[in-house]
Amino acid sequence: MYRFAFVAILTLWTLSSPALAKTFPIPSDNPVATINIPNSWEPSEYDGGVEGTSKDGQFYFAIEAVNSKDIGEATKEGLNFFKKQGVKFDANSHSTVESVLNDLPVMTITFKGRDKDGPTEITLILVKTLKPNRFLLIFAWGSEKAAEANIKDIDKILASLTPTK
């Protein structure tokens, strides 16, 4: 009896509480994918994408769609974002890994570097979408400690990436 009451109360609370994450089309017009970002990251849309910062304020995440003739052009566009933010790359720390994320081919580029707050880890994930000449750029930026502290949310965000047909 008590178990039934507990389950009923928990169900009502869950249904009445605000959603724990919001689904965003990327971009909002003619989307090539959707992604879920936790409300605690205070996600906000911008032209072509969405961004958010971890609840502790230490890790930045953004995803946007770009039109590019090839992955090299898309990579340059993504790296320019970090440069405009004042990030200095340590070229000796560069690594690139090709893999698959939710059935989409991806290239993950990581660097160590420095920003105005000191040492930082920079990750740029390039995702080839199902649409010709359309890529997703995923920007991840924060210290190694911040990445470790927020890894569960980061993994959930990435796992929620869903291509549109």
Protein backbone atom coordinates (compact mmCIF):
# COMPACT_ATOMS: atom_id res chain seq x y z
CA MET A 1 0.00 0.00 0.00
CA TYR A 2 2.75 2.45 0.98
CA ARG A 3 4.73 1.54 -2.11
CA PHE A 4 1.72 2.29 -4.33
CA ALA A 5 1.21 5.68 -2.66
CA PHE A 6 4.90 6.52 -3.03
CA VAL A 7 4.87 5.60 -6.74
CA ALA A 8 1.69 7.61 -7.31
CA ILE A 9 3.12 10.70 -5.60
CA LEU A 10 6.42 10.36 -7.45
CA THR A 11 4.60 10.02 -10.78
CA LEU A 12 2.47 13.11 -10.13
CA TRP A 13 5.51 15.12 -9.04
CA THR A 14 7.44 14.05 -12.15
CA LEU A 15 4.56 14.95 -14.46
CA SER A 16 4.01 18.32 -12.80
CA SER A 17 7.69 19.34 -12.56
CA PRO A 18 9.30 21.25 -15.39
CA ALA A 19 11.22 19.26 -17.98
CA LEU A 20 14.79 18.50 -17.03
CA ALA A 21 16.04 19.13 -20.58
CA LYS A 22 14.83 20.92 -23.66
CA THR A 23 15.07 19.63 -27.22
CA PHE A 24 16.48 22.10 -29.74
CA PRO A 25 16.38 21.85 -33.53
CA ILE A 26 19.76 22.70 -35.08
CA PRO A 27 19.37 25.16 -36.73
CA SER A 28 15.87 26.28 -35.80
CA ASP A 29 15.02 26.82 -39.51
CA ASN A 30 15.42 23.73 -41.70
CA PRO A 31 17.09 21.61 -38.98
CA VAL A 32 19.65 18.91 -39.74
CA ALA A 33 19.49 17.52 -36.19
CA THR A 34 18.02 17.91 -32.73
CA ILE A 35 19.78 17.87 -29.37
CA ASN A 36 18.70 17.92 -25.71
CA ILE A 37 20.44 20.27 -23.31
CA PRO A 38 19.65 20.23 -19.57
CA ASN A 39 17.73 23.23 -18.29
CA SER A 40 20.39 23.62 -15.60
CA TRP A 41 22.83 24.60 -18.37
CA GLU A 42 20.54 27.56 -19.19
CA PRO A 43 20.64 26.87 -22.93
CA SER A 44 19.95 29.71 -25.33
CA GLU A 45 19.47 29.72 -29.06
CA TYR A 46 21.52 31.86 -31.40
CA ASP A 47 21.55 32.17 -35.17
CA GLY A 48 22.26 28.64 -36.38
CA GLY A 49 22.60 26.87 -33.05
CA VAL A 50 22.29 26.66 -29.30
CA GLU A 51 24.73 27.13 -26.42
CA GLY A 52 24.84 26.55 -22.70
CA THR A 53 27.14 26.53 -19.72
CA SER A 54 27.30 23.84 -17.06
CA LYS A 55 25.52 24.53 -13.79
CA ASP A 56 28.89 25.19 -12.11
CA GLY A 57 29.70 27.76 -14.82
CA GLN A 58 32.97 26.03 -15.71
CA PHE A 59 32.18 24.22 -18.99
CA TYR A 60 30.84 25.74 -22.22
CA PHE A 61 29.00 23.72 -24.86
CA ALA A 62 27.56 24.87 -28.18
CA ILE A 63 26.34 23.23 -31.36
CA GLU A 64 25.59 24.89 -34.66
CA ALA A 65 24.96 23.97 -38.26
CA VAL A 66 27.19 25.27 -41.03
CA ASN A 67 27.20 25.04 -44.80
CA SER A 68 30.63 23.97 -46.03
CA LYS A 69 31.88 22.34 -49.20
CA ASP A 70 34.04 19.94 -47.16
CA ILE A 71 35.16 19.03 -43.65
CA GLY A 72 38.36 21.08 -43.99
CA GLU A 73 36.40 24.28 -44.53
CA ALA A 74 34.10 23.42 -41.62
CA THR A 75 37.14 22.77 -39.40
CA LYS A 76 38.63 26.17 -40.16
CA GLU A 77 35.33 27.83 -39.29
CA GLY A 78 35.15 25.98 -35.98
CA LEU A 79 38.73 26.75 -34.95
CA ASN A 80 38.23 30.43 -35.82
CA PHE A 81 35.48 30.57 -33.20
CA PHE A 82 37.95 29.66 -30.47
CA LYS A 83 40.55 32.11 -31.78
CA LYS A 84 37.97 34.93 -31.70
CA GLN A 85 37.38 34.04 -28.03
CA GLY A 86 41.06 34.61 -27.27
CA VAL A 87 42.00 30.94 -26.96
CA LYS A 88 45.67 30.19 -27.63
CA PHE A 89 46.27 26.65 -28.89
CA ASP A 90 49.23 24.49 -27.92
CA ALA A 91 49.93 22.98 -31.36
CA ASN A 92 51.91 20.12 -29.80
CA SER A 93 48.80 18.91 -27.93
CA HIS A 94 46.65 18.47 -31.05
CA SER A 95 44.89 15.15 -31.58
CA THR A 96 42.29 14.04 -34.10
CA VAL A 97 40.04 10.99 -33.88
CA GLU A 98 37.49 9.85 -36.45
CA SER A 99 34.51 7.91 -35.15
CA VAL A 100 30.73 7.60 -35.31
CA LEU A 101 28.17 9.35 -33.10
CA ASN A 102 24.57 8.18 -33.36
CA ASP A 103 25.21 6.74 -36.86
CA LEU A 104 26.83 9.97 -38.11
CA PRO A 105 30.53 10.21 -39.05
CA VAL A 106 32.44 12.58 -36.76
CA MET A 107 35.91 13.98 -36.44
CA THR A 108 36.94 15.07 -32.95
CA ILE A 109 39.81 17.54 -32.63
CA THR A 110 41.23 18.26 -29.18
CA PHE A 111 43.81 20.78 -28.01
CA LYS A 112 45.21 22.01 -24.78
CA GLY A 113 45.52 25.76 -24.61
CA ARG A 114 45.08 28.92 -22.62
CA ASP A 115 42.30 31.42 -22.33
CA LYS A 116 41.82 34.47 -20.12
CA ASP A 117 41.23 32.17 -17.12
CA GLY A 118 44.33 30.03 -17.64
CA PRO A 119 44.87 26.48 -18.92
CA THR A 120 41.94 25.02 -20.81
CA GLU A 121 40.88 22.00 -22.86
CA ILE A 122 39.33 22.66 -26.26
CA THR A 123 37.30 20.15 -28.23
CA LEU A 124 35.78 20.67 -31.66
CA ILE A 125 33.56 17.89 -32.96
CA LEU A 126 32.65 18.01 -36.65
CA VAL A 127 29.59 15.98 -37.56
CA LYS A 128 28.71 15.12 -41.17
CA THR A 129 24.92 15.29 -41.40
CA LEU A 130 22.54 13.47 -43.71
CA LYS A 131 22.21 16.65 -45.79
CA PRO A 132 24.79 17.45 -48.51
CA ASN A 133 27.33 20.15 -47.58
CA ARG A 134 25.86 20.54 -44.08
CA PHE A 135 27.92 19.95 -40.96
CA LEU A 136 27.39 20.36 -37.26
CA LEU A 137 30.10 22.01 -35.21
CA ILE A 138 30.13 21.05 -31.55
CA PHE A 139 32.23 23.30 -29.33
CA ALA A 140 33.31 22.10 -25.89
CA TRP A 141 35.52 24.31 -23.76
CA GLY A 142 36.68 24.18 -20.15
CA SER A 143 39.35 22.87 -17.87
CA GLU A 144 40.02 19.15 -17.59
CA LYS A 145 38.59 19.30 -14.07
CA ALA A 146 35.38 20.97 -15.37
CA ALA A 147 35.01 18.33 -18.09
CA GLU A 148 35.37 15.54 -15.52
CA ALA A 149 32.88 17.19 -13.17
CA ASN A 150 30.28 17.52 -15.95
CA ILE A 151 30.96 14.35 -17.94
CA LYS A 152 27.56 12.77 -17.21
CA ASP A 153 25.69 15.77 -18.62
CA ILE A 154 28.08 16.07 -21.56
CA ASP A 155 27.60 12.39 -22.42
CA LYS A 156 23.80 12.75 -22.20
CA ILE A 157 23.86 15.82 -24.43
CA LEU A 158 25.97 14.07 -27.07
CA ALA A 159 23.90 10.88 -26.87
CA SER A 160 20.75 12.93 -27.55
CA LEU A 161 22.00 14.19 -30.91
CA THR A 162 19.50 12.95 -33.49
CA PRO A 163 19.79 13.59 -37.24
CA THR A 164 16.72 14.73 -39.15
CA LYS A 165 15.75 12.94 -42.31
